[in-house]
Amino acid sequence: RCHPLFLAPSVVPDVWRQIYETSTGRNVTLHWKPPSLMNANGHVLSYYITWKALLNNSDLEFISVSASLNRTEINITKERYLIEICAVNAVGLSPPSKIWIPKFIRNGTFTWEKANGTGDGISLSWHHYPSVTKEYTVEWCNFPRGIHCDLQWKKFPANITNAIIASPAFEAGVRYNFMIYGYEGDGDHLLEKKVGYIKETDPNCPKVDIKELKEDSVLVTWNYNDTDETKGGFIRYYSILVSEMKETCNTTSRENSLSDSSDCCLY
């Protein structure tokens, strides 16, 4: 266990975790935010991490991670675990930040629910869960299209069920995914998923094909993935405008000939 010492870091590190199932158990990626120089009572030299399955006679494991890092990975079984993370300075260790990992249970299927943008943030709301005894945690990536997404999280008391999430990294036309977790006594459980834009932008035009041309009809098909995160906004409907061609089609339309030799512009 971690024991605070005189002039050791005084604040519990702000930590979070991501859990991935593997063929032999689970991989846990631990993330933490470095304490301020004041709270660290000097420079943080390293982070001391311990973990132990909550079973009789299980061994305590530990590692020390450089202060230049803000994440690390450990492998665990499918049992319930307690993980503790302490910041270490020249004098000693901070109080531990504790993470309980629930026993493995495969999550059910979640529907992505749309959240509203506010222009500089995204407004989230979630249901109240009586089983949540401590806090909710909202998780998202600042750069969802990047290789390194810059994982972020924010915690809220159990009596809070809404928040506006804002970040200087947010951009108009970028889709952000939010995971809502709740602490239910044995650890944090995924409860809801949200998706939103701070501001939607115009989508790109879909690729359109003419499959059949008849005297009084035309079959128009298009391929457009409305779940594509690069589309700039939510697709609400498709609008098709066909008009008799009086002159050359403009740059926003395409000329097509019908079977009765008449022409039309396809927008």
C-alpha atoms as a PDB file:
ATOM      1  CA  ARG A   1       0.000   0.000   0.000  1.00  0.00           C
ATOM      2  CA  CYS A   2       0.991   3.657  -0.387  1.00  0.00           C
ATOM      3  CA  HIS A   3       1.619   5.690   2.780  1.00  0.00           C
ATOM      4  CA  PRO A   4       1.752   9.527   2.665  1.00  0.00           C
ATOM      5  CA  LEU A   5       4.882  10.998   4.211  1.00  0.00           C
ATOM      6  CA  PHE A   6       5.717  14.518   5.374  1.00  0.00           C
ATOM      7  CA  LEU A   7       6.085  16.767   2.311  1.00  0.00           C
ATOM      8  CA  ALA A   8       5.256  13.908   0.022  1.00  0.00           C
ATOM      9  CA  PRO A   9       2.710  14.727  -2.711  1.00  0.00           C
ATOM     10  CA  SER A  10      -0.468  15.712  -0.902  1.00  0.00           C
ATOM     11  CA  VAL A  11      -3.188  15.084  -3.504  1.00  0.00           C
ATOM     12  CA  VAL A  12      -4.564  11.817  -4.824  1.00  0.00           C
ATOM     13  CA  PRO A  13      -3.703  11.524  -8.569  1.00  0.00           C
ATOM     14  CA  ASP A  14      -6.625  11.935 -10.981  1.00  0.00           C
ATOM     15  CA  VAL A  15      -6.708   8.561 -12.756  1.00  0.00           C
ATOM     16  CA  TRP A  16      -8.830   6.640 -15.221  1.00  0.00           C
ATOM     17  CA  ARG A  17      -8.667   3.336 -17.050  1.00  0.00           C
ATOM     18  CA  GLN A  18      -9.582   1.603 -20.313  1.00  0.00           C
ATOM     19  CA  ILE A  19     -10.192  -2.134 -20.340  1.00  0.00           C
ATOM     20  CA  TYR A  20      -9.793  -4.467 -23.314  1.00  0.00           C
ATOM     21  CA  GLU A  21     -10.574  -8.165 -23.420  1.00  0.00           C
ATOM     22  CA  THR A  22      -7.714 -10.468 -24.491  1.00  0.00           C
ATOM     23  CA  SER A  23      -7.468 -14.202 -25.162  1.00  0.00           C
ATOM     24  CA  THR A  24      -6.051 -14.797 -21.680  1.00  0.00           C
ATOM     25  CA  GLY A  25      -7.808 -12.121 -19.613  1.00  0.00           C
ATOM     26  CA  ARG A  26      -7.855  -8.347 -19.863  1.00  0.00           C
ATOM     27  CA  ASN A  27      -5.498  -5.519 -20.732  1.00  0.00           C
ATOM     28  CA  VAL A  28      -5.901  -2.382 -18.606  1.00  0.00           C
ATOM     29  CA  THR A  29      -4.531   0.940 -19.835  1.00  0.00           C
ATOM     30  CA  LEU A  30      -4.094   3.294 -16.884  1.00  0.00           C
ATOM     31  CA  HIS A  31      -4.156   7.058 -17.464  1.00  0.00           C
ATOM     32  CA  TRP A  32      -3.368   9.824 -14.983  1.00  0.00           C
ATOM     33  CA  LYS A  33      -3.069  13.600 -14.896  1.00  0.00           C
ATOM     34  CA  PRO A  34       0.169  14.933 -13.375  1.00  0.00           C
ATOM     35  CA  PRO A  35      -0.411  16.863 -10.141  1.00  0.00           C
ATOM     36  CA  SER A  36       0.464  20.547 -10.034  1.00  0.00           C
ATOM     37  CA  LEU A  37       3.872  21.496  -8.661  1.00  0.00           C
ATOM     38  CA  MET A  38       2.186  22.799  -5.501  1.00  0.00           C
ATOM     39  CA  ASN A  39       0.197  19.620  -4.882  1.00  0.00           C
ATOM     40  CA  ALA A  40       3.222  17.487  -5.676  1.00  0.00           C
ATOM     41  CA  ASN A  41       5.304  19.392  -3.070  1.00  0.00           C
ATOM     42  CA  GLY A  42       8.136  19.423  -5.563  1.00  0.00           C
ATOM     43  CA  HIS A  43       8.886  17.508  -8.714  1.00  0.00           C
ATOM     44  CA  VAL A  44       7.236  14.143  -9.256  1.00  0.00           C
ATOM     45  CA  LEU A  45       9.960  11.564  -9.922  1.00  0.00           C
ATOM     46  CA  SER A  46       7.804   8.568 -10.765  1.00  0.00           C
ATOM     47  CA  TYR A  47       4.460   6.844 -10.275  1.00  0.00           C
ATOM     48  CA  TYR A  48       4.190   3.725  -8.138  1.00  0.00           C
ATOM     49  CA  ILE A  49       1.464   1.321  -9.244  1.00  0.00           C
ATOM     50  CA  THR A  50       0.238  -1.799  -7.458  1.00  0.00           C
ATOM     51  CA  TRP A  51      -2.529  -4.232  -8.358  1.00  0.00           C
ATOM     52  CA  LYS A  52      -3.981  -7.340  -6.785  1.00  0.00           C
ATOM     53  CA  ALA A  53      -6.850  -9.699  -7.545  1.00  0.00           C
ATOM     54  CA  LEU A  54      -9.412  -9.612  -4.753  1.00  0.00           C
ATOM     55  CA  LEU A  55      -9.059 -13.314  -4.061  1.00  0.00           C
ATOM     56  CA  ASN A  56      -7.541 -15.202  -1.137  1.00  0.00           C
ATOM     57  CA  ASN A  57      -3.775 -15.752  -1.446  1.00  0.00           C
ATOM     58  CA  SER A  58      -3.421 -13.663  -4.624  1.00  0.00           C
ATOM     59  CA  ASP A  59      -0.076 -11.919  -5.089  1.00  0.00           C
ATOM     60  CA  LEU A  60       0.470  -8.162  -5.037  1.00  0.00           C
ATOM     61  CA  GLU A  61       2.145  -6.925  -8.221  1.00  0.00           C
ATOM     62  CA  PHE A  62       3.793  -3.554  -8.738  1.00  0.00           C
ATOM     63  CA  ILE A  63       5.706  -1.391 -11.189  1.00  0.00           C
ATOM     64  CA  SER A  64       7.353   2.044 -11.127  1.00  0.00           C
ATOM     65  CA  VAL A  65       6.694   4.334 -14.103  1.00  0.00           C
ATOM     66  CA  SER A  66       8.717   7.393 -15.120  1.00  0.00           C
ATOM     67  CA  ALA A  67       7.237  10.819 -14.343  1.00  0.00           C
ATOM     68  CA  SER A  68       7.586  11.685 -18.041  1.00  0.00           C
ATOM     69  CA  LEU A  69       4.733   9.281 -18.806  1.00  0.00           C
ATOM     70  CA  ASN A  70       1.010   9.691 -18.135  1.00  0.00           C
ATOM     71  CA  ARG A  71      -0.135   6.170 -18.996  1.00  0.00           C
ATOM     72  CA  THR A  72       0.886   2.539 -18.762  1.00  0.00           C
ATOM     73  CA  GLU A  73      -0.572  -0.908 -19.418  1.00  0.00           C
ATOM     74  CA  ILE A  74      -0.950  -3.958 -17.207  1.00  0.00           C
ATOM     75  CA  ASN A  75      -2.474  -7.383 -17.798  1.00  0.00           C
ATOM     76  CA  ILE A  76      -4.968  -8.943 -15.410  1.00  0.00           C
ATOM     77  CA  THR A  77      -7.280 -11.956 -15.283  1.00  0.00           C
ATOM     78  CA  LYS A  78     -11.079 -11.814 -15.409  1.00  0.00           C
ATOM     79  CA  GLU A  79     -11.387 -11.573 -11.613  1.00  0.00           C
ATOM     80  CA  ARG A  80     -12.089  -8.394  -9.660  1.00  0.00           C
ATOM     81  CA  TYR A  81      -9.006  -6.231  -8.988  1.00  0.00           C
ATOM     82  CA  LEU A  82      -7.872  -3.290  -6.903  1.00  0.00           C
ATOM     83  CA  ILE A  83      -5.320  -0.979  -8.514  1.00  0.00           C
ATOM     84  CA  GLU A  84      -3.562   1.834  -6.624  1.00  0.00           C
ATOM     85  CA  ILE A  85      -1.499   4.634  -8.154  1.00  0.00           C
ATOM     86  CA  CYS A  86       0.749   6.988  -6.143  1.00  0.00           C
ATOM     87  CA  ALA A  87       2.840   9.956  -7.224  1.00  0.00           C
ATOM     88  CA  VAL A  88       6.389   9.836  -5.852  1.00  0.00           C
ATOM     89  CA  ASN A  89       8.684  12.790  -5.085  1.00  0.00           C
ATOM     90  CA  ALA A  90      12.066  12.963  -3.334  1.00  0.00           C
ATOM     91  CA  VAL A  91      10.422  12.550   0.077  1.00  0.00           C
ATOM     92  CA  GLY A  92       7.788   9.904  -0.407  1.00  0.00           C
ATOM     93  CA  LEU A  93       4.491   8.833  -1.912  1.00  0.00           C
ATOM     94  CA  SER A  94       1.133  10.530  -2.272  1.00  0.00           C
ATOM     95  CA  PRO A  95      -2.098   9.058  -0.923  1.00  0.00           C
ATOM     96  CA  PRO A  96      -3.206   6.332  -3.341  1.00  0.00           C
ATOM     97  CA  SER A  97      -5.748   6.787  -6.064  1.00  0.00           C
ATOM     98  CA  LYS A  98      -7.788   3.588  -6.129  1.00  0.00           C
ATOM     99  CA  ILE A  99      -9.396   1.936  -9.117  1.00  0.00           C
ATOM    100  CA  TRP A 100     -11.625  -1.097  -8.706  1.00  0.00           C
ATOM    101  CA  ILE A 101     -11.912  -3.284 -11.800  1.00  0.00           C
ATOM    102  CA  PRO A 102     -15.135  -5.334 -11.782  1.00  0.00           C
ATOM    103  CA  LYS A 103     -15.123  -9.039 -12.475  1.00  0.00           C
ATOM    104  CA  PHE A 104     -15.397  -9.585 -16.213  1.00  0.00           C
ATOM    105  CA  ILE A 105     -18.913  -9.416 -17.611  1.00  0.00           C
ATOM    106  CA  ARG A 106     -19.393  -8.858 -21.332  1.00  0.00           C
ATOM    107  CA  ASN A 107     -21.206  -5.578 -21.996  1.00  0.00           C
ATOM    108  CA  GLY A 108     -24.521  -5.579 -23.795  1.00  0.00           C
ATOM    109  CA  THR A 109     -25.278  -3.626 -26.952  1.00  0.00           C
ATOM    110  CA  PHE A 110     -25.519   0.150 -26.609  1.00  0.00           C
ATOM    111  CA  THR A 111     -27.200   2.583 -28.983  1.00  0.00           C
ATOM    112  CA  TRP A 112     -25.336   5.796 -29.758  1.00  0.00           C
ATOM    113  CA  GLU A 113     -27.560   8.697 -28.686  1.00  0.00           C
ATOM    114  CA  LYS A 114     -27.191  12.141 -30.264  1.00  0.00           C
ATOM    115  CA  ALA A 115     -26.006  15.038 -28.104  1.00  0.00           C
ATOM    116  CA  ASN A 116     -26.497  18.721 -28.919  1.00  0.00           C
ATOM    117  CA  GLY A 117     -23.657  21.108 -29.701  1.00  0.00           C
ATOM    118  CA  THR A 118     -23.490  24.519 -28.058  1.00  0.00           C
ATOM    119  CA  GLY A 119     -21.025  26.165 -30.446  1.00  0.00           C
ATOM    120  CA  ASP A 120     -18.074  25.783 -28.085  1.00  0.00           C
ATOM    121  CA  GLY A 121     -18.985  22.531 -26.344  1.00  0.00           C
ATOM    122  CA  ILE A 122     -21.367  19.568 -26.342  1.00  0.00           C
ATOM    123  CA  SER A 123     -24.317  19.263 -23.970  1.00  0.00           C
ATOM    124  CA  LEU A 124     -24.678  15.801 -22.441  1.00  0.00           C
ATOM    125  CA  SER A 125     -27.377  14.342 -20.252  1.00  0.00           C
ATOM    126  CA  TRP A 126     -27.781  10.820 -18.939  1.00  0.00           C
ATOM    127  CA  HIS A 127     -30.264   8.864 -16.883  1.00  0.00           C
ATOM    128  CA  HIS A 128     -30.124   8.714 -13.111  1.00  0.00           C
ATOM    129  CA  TYR A 129     -29.056   5.239 -11.980  1.00  0.00           C
ATOM    130  CA  PRO A 130     -29.881   4.383  -8.337  1.00  0.00           C
ATOM    131  CA  SER A 131     -27.149   1.730  -8.467  1.00  0.00           C
ATOM    132  CA  VAL A 132     -24.479   4.429  -8.959  1.00  0.00           C
ATOM    133  CA  THR A 133     -23.251   5.075  -5.423  1.00  0.00           C
ATOM    134  CA  LYS A 134     -20.227   7.324  -5.925  1.00  0.00           C
ATOM    135  CA  GLU A 135     -19.787   9.107  -9.261  1.00  0.00           C
ATOM    136  CA  TYR A 136     -20.238   9.200 -13.009  1.00  0.00           C
ATOM    137  CA  THR A 137     -17.270   9.466 -15.365  1.00  0.00           C
ATOM    138  CA  VAL A 138     -17.500  10.885 -18.898  1.00  0.00           C
ATOM    139  CA  GLU A 139     -14.767   9.695 -21.287  1.00  0.00           C
ATOM    140  CA  TRP A 140     -13.903  11.107 -24.715  1.00  0.00           C
ATOM    141  CA  CYS A 141     -11.016  11.770 -27.113  1.00  0.00           C
ATOM    142  CA  ASN A 142      -9.892  15.286 -27.977  1.00  0.00           C
ATOM    143  CA  PHE A 143      -8.586  14.117 -31.372  1.00  0.00           C
ATOM    144  CA  PRO A 144     -10.818  11.196 -32.438  1.00  0.00           C
ATOM    145  CA  ARG A 145      -9.348  11.077 -35.949  1.00  0.00           C
ATOM    146  CA  GLY A 146      -5.731  10.945 -34.758  1.00  0.00           C
ATOM    147  CA  ILE A 147      -3.519   7.958 -34.027  1.00  0.00           C
ATOM    148  CA  HIS A 148      -3.135   9.247 -30.479  1.00  0.00           C
ATOM    149  CA  CYS A 149      -6.597  10.412 -29.498  1.00  0.00           C
ATOM    150  CA  ASP A 150      -5.578  12.282 -26.301  1.00  0.00           C
ATOM    151  CA  LEU A 151      -8.000  10.496 -23.976  1.00  0.00           C
ATOM    152  CA  GLN A 152      -9.857  12.781 -21.567  1.00  0.00           C
ATOM    153  CA  TRP A 153     -12.243  12.135 -18.682  1.00  0.00           C
ATOM    154  CA  LYS A 154     -14.276  14.140 -16.208  1.00  0.00           C
ATOM    155  CA  LYS A 155     -15.959  12.907 -13.031  1.00  0.00           C
ATOM    156  CA  PHE A 156     -19.289  14.036 -11.595  1.00  0.00           C
ATOM    157  CA  PRO A 157     -21.046  13.312  -8.268  1.00  0.00           C
ATOM    158  CA  ALA A 158     -23.821  10.711  -8.345  1.00  0.00           C
ATOM    159  CA  ASN A 159     -26.514  13.433  -8.096  1.00  0.00           C
ATOM    160  CA  ILE A 160     -25.395  15.102 -11.363  1.00  0.00           C
ATOM    161  CA  THR A 161     -26.871  13.813 -14.638  1.00  0.00           C
ATOM    162  CA  ASN A 162     -25.932  16.517 -17.155  1.00  0.00           C
ATOM    163  CA  ALA A 163     -22.903  18.534 -18.188  1.00  0.00           C
ATOM    164  CA  ILE A 164     -21.460  20.635 -20.999  1.00  0.00           C
ATOM    165  CA  ILE A 165     -18.156  19.157 -22.147  1.00  0.00           C
ATOM    166  CA  ALA A 166     -15.832  21.733 -23.696  1.00  0.00           C
ATOM    167  CA  SER A 167     -12.219  21.606 -24.809  1.00  0.00           C
ATOM    168  CA  PRO A 168      -9.907  23.994 -26.697  1.00  0.00           C
ATOM    169  CA  ALA A 169      -9.206  21.037 -28.996  1.00  0.00           C
ATOM    170  CA  PHE A 170     -12.815  20.692 -30.186  1.00  0.00           C
ATOM    171  CA  GLU A 171     -13.452  21.661 -33.829  1.00  0.00           C
ATOM    172  CA  ALA A 172     -16.589  22.247 -35.877  1.00  0.00           C
ATOM    173  CA  GLY A 173     -17.459  19.347 -38.162  1.00  0.00           C
ATOM    174  CA  VAL A 174     -15.666  16.752 -36.031  1.00  0.00           C
ATOM    175  CA  ARG A 175     -17.734  13.986 -34.433  1.00  0.00           C
ATOM    176  CA  TYR A 176     -16.970  13.274 -30.773  1.00  0.00           C
ATOM    177  CA  ASN A 177     -17.953  10.085 -28.980  1.00  0.00           C
ATOM    178  CA  PHE A 178     -18.662  10.082 -25.244  1.00  0.00           C
ATOM    179  CA  MET A 179     -18.829   7.072 -22.920  1.00  0.00           C
ATOM    180  CA  ILE A 180     -20.776   7.453 -19.669  1.00  0.00           C
ATOM    181  CA  TYR A 181     -19.634   5.222 -16.794  1.00  0.00           C
ATOM    182  CA  GLY A 182     -21.055   4.879 -13.293  1.00  0.00           C
ATOM    183  CA  TYR A 183     -19.408   3.535 -10.139  1.00  0.00           C
ATOM    184  CA  GLU A 184     -21.661   0.794  -8.748  1.00  0.00           C
ATOM    185  CA  GLY A 185     -19.768  -0.528  -5.715  1.00  0.00           C
ATOM    186  CA  ASP A 186     -17.580  -3.101  -7.455  1.00  0.00           C
ATOM    187  CA  GLY A 187     -16.135  -0.664 -10.011  1.00  0.00           C
ATOM    188  CA  ASP A 188     -17.100   1.500 -12.981  1.00  0.00           C
ATOM    189  CA  HIS A 189     -19.592   0.157 -15.512  1.00  0.00           C
ATOM    190  CA  LEU A 190     -20.434   1.492 -18.972  1.00  0.00           C
ATOM    191  CA  LEU A 191     -23.989   2.878 -18.894  1.00  0.00           C
ATOM    192  CA  GLU A 192     -24.572   5.015 -21.983  1.00  0.00           C
ATOM    193  CA  LYS A 193     -22.937   6.226 -25.208  1.00  0.00           C
ATOM    194  CA  LYS A 194     -23.370   9.703 -26.706  1.00  0.00           C
ATOM    195  CA  VAL A 195     -22.210  11.277 -29.965  1.00  0.00           C
ATOM    196  CA  GLY A 196     -22.196  14.924 -31.008  1.00  0.00           C
ATOM    197  CA  TYR A 197     -20.583  17.909 -32.715  1.00  0.00           C
ATOM    198  CA  ILE A 198     -19.896  21.311 -31.203  1.00  0.00           C
ATOM    199  CA  LYS A 199     -21.139  22.625 -34.561  1.00  0.00           C
ATOM    200  CA  GLU A 200     -22.162  20.702 -37.655  1.00  0.00           C
ATOM    201  CA  THR A 201     -20.754  21.581 -41.075  1.00  0.00           C
ATOM    202  CA  ASP A 202     -22.064  20.888 -44.580  1.00  0.00           C
ATOM    203  CA  PRO A 203     -21.576  17.263 -45.661  1.00  0.00           C
ATOM    204  CA  ASN A 204     -19.743  16.261 -48.808  1.00  0.00           C
ATOM    205  CA  CYS A 205     -21.914  15.347 -51.793  1.00  0.00           C
ATOM    206  CA  PRO A 206     -22.631  11.610 -52.042  1.00  0.00           C
ATOM    207  CA  LYS A 207     -21.524   9.599 -55.058  1.00  0.00           C
ATOM    208  CA  VAL A 208     -24.608   9.342 -57.307  1.00  0.00           C
ATOM    209  CA  ASP A 209     -25.261   6.798 -60.063  1.00  0.00           C
ATOM    210  CA  ILE A 210     -28.068   6.530 -62.636  1.00  0.00           C
ATOM    211  CA  LYS A 211     -29.114   2.882 -62.858  1.00  0.00           C
ATOM    212  CA  GLU A 212     -32.194   3.036 -65.088  1.00  0.00           C
ATOM    213  CA  LEU A 213     -33.438   5.678 -67.495  1.00  0.00           C
ATOM    214  CA  LYS A 214     -37.052   5.404 -68.669  1.00  0.00           C
ATOM    215  CA  GLU A 215     -39.559   7.673 -70.388  1.00  0.00           C
ATOM    216  CA  ASP A 216     -41.127   8.858 -67.174  1.00  0.00           C
ATOM    217  CA  SER A 217     -38.673   7.837 -64.465  1.00  0.00           C
ATOM    218  CA  VAL A 218     -35.049   7.512 -63.483  1.00  0.00           C
ATOM    219  CA  LEU A 219     -33.530   5.237 -60.831  1.00  0.00           C
ATOM    220  CA  VAL A 220     -31.040   7.179 -58.740  1.00  0.00           C
ATOM    221  CA  THR A 221     -28.716   5.384 -56.311  1.00  0.00           C
ATOM    222  CA  TRP A 222     -26.090   6.740 -53.979  1.00  0.00           C
ATOM    223  CA  ASN A 223     -23.592   5.430 -51.509  1.00  0.00           C
ATOM    224  CA  TYR A 224     -23.229   7.487 -48.371  1.00  0.00           C
ATOM    225  CA  ASN A 225     -22.141   6.210 -44.970  1.00  0.00           C
ATOM    226  CA  ASP A 226     -23.968   8.432 -42.506  1.00  0.00           C
ATOM    227  CA  THR A 227     -21.990   6.934 -39.601  1.00  0.00           C
ATOM    228  CA  ASP A 228     -18.694   8.114 -41.125  1.00  0.00           C
ATOM    229  CA  GLU A 229     -17.046  10.432 -38.597  1.00  0.00           C
ATOM    230  CA  THR A 230     -15.612  12.625 -41.380  1.00  0.00           C
ATOM    231  CA  LYS A 231     -19.009  13.703 -42.770  1.00  0.00           C
ATOM    232  CA  GLY A 232     -19.264  16.920 -40.731  1.00  0.00           C
ATOM    233  CA  GLY A 233     -22.732  16.384 -39.272  1.00  0.00           C
ATOM    234  CA  PHE A 234     -25.697  14.084 -38.771  1.00  0.00           C
ATOM    235  CA  ILE A 235     -27.548  13.128 -41.977  1.00  0.00           C
ATOM    236  CA  ARG A 236     -31.234  13.902 -41.455  1.00  0.00           C
ATOM    237  CA  TYR A 237     -32.554  13.312 -44.986  1.00  0.00           C
ATOM    238  CA  TYR A 238     -31.581  13.331 -48.661  1.00  0.00           C
ATOM    239  CA  SER A 239     -32.995  15.891 -51.090  1.00  0.00           C
ATOM    240  CA  ILE A 240     -33.213  15.132 -54.833  1.00  0.00           C
ATOM    241  CA  LEU A 241     -34.191  17.873 -57.257  1.00  0.00           C
ATOM    242  CA  VAL A 242     -34.811  17.133 -60.938  1.00  0.00           C
ATOM    243  CA  SER A 243     -35.728  19.913 -63.346  1.00  0.00           C
ATOM    244  CA  GLU A 244     -36.214  20.155 -67.101  1.00  0.00           C
ATOM    245  CA  MET A 245     -33.007  21.303 -68.700  1.00  0.00           C
ATOM    246  CA  LYS A 246     -33.277  24.738 -70.281  1.00  0.00           C
ATOM    247  CA  GLU A 247     -29.571  25.350 -70.446  1.00  0.00           C
ATOM    248  CA  THR A 248     -26.265  23.801 -69.482  1.00  0.00           C
ATOM    249  CA  CYS A 249     -26.234  22.331 -65.985  1.00  0.00           C
ATOM    250  CA  ASN A 250     -24.409  24.403 -63.386  1.00  0.00           C
ATOM    251  CA  THR A 251     -21.443  23.312 -61.302  1.00  0.00           C
ATOM    252  CA  THR A 252     -23.616  21.840 -58.520  1.00  0.00           C
ATOM    253  CA  SER A 253     -25.501  19.455 -60.839  1.00  0.00           C
ATOM    254  CA  ARG A 254     -24.871  16.798 -63.442  1.00  0.00           C
ATOM    255  CA  GLU A 255     -26.397  16.483 -66.939  1.00  0.00           C
ATOM    256  CA  ASN A 256     -28.267  13.261 -67.742  1.00  0.00           C
ATOM    257  CA  SER A 257     -30.164  12.172 -70.871  1.00  0.00           C
ATOM    258  CA  LEU A 258     -33.485  10.351 -70.524  1.00  0.00           C
ATOM    259  CA  SER A 259     -34.821   7.650 -72.846  1.00  0.00           C
ATOM    260  CA  ASP A 260     -37.210  10.095 -74.551  1.00  0.00           C
ATOM    261  CA  SER A 261     -34.185  12.163 -75.677  1.00  0.00           C
ATOM    262  CA  SER A 262     -34.928  14.928 -73.174  1.00  0.00           C
ATOM    263  CA  ASP A 263     -32.245  16.078 -70.793  1.00  0.00           C
ATOM    264  CA  CYS A 264     -32.262  16.874 -67.113  1.00  0.00           C
ATOM    265  CA  CYS A 265     -29.919  18.231 -64.490  1.00  0.00           C
ATOM    266  CA  LEU A 266     -29.358  15.975 -61.479  1.00  0.00           C
ATOM    267  CA  TYR A 267     -28.570  17.833 -58.249  1.00  0.00           C
END
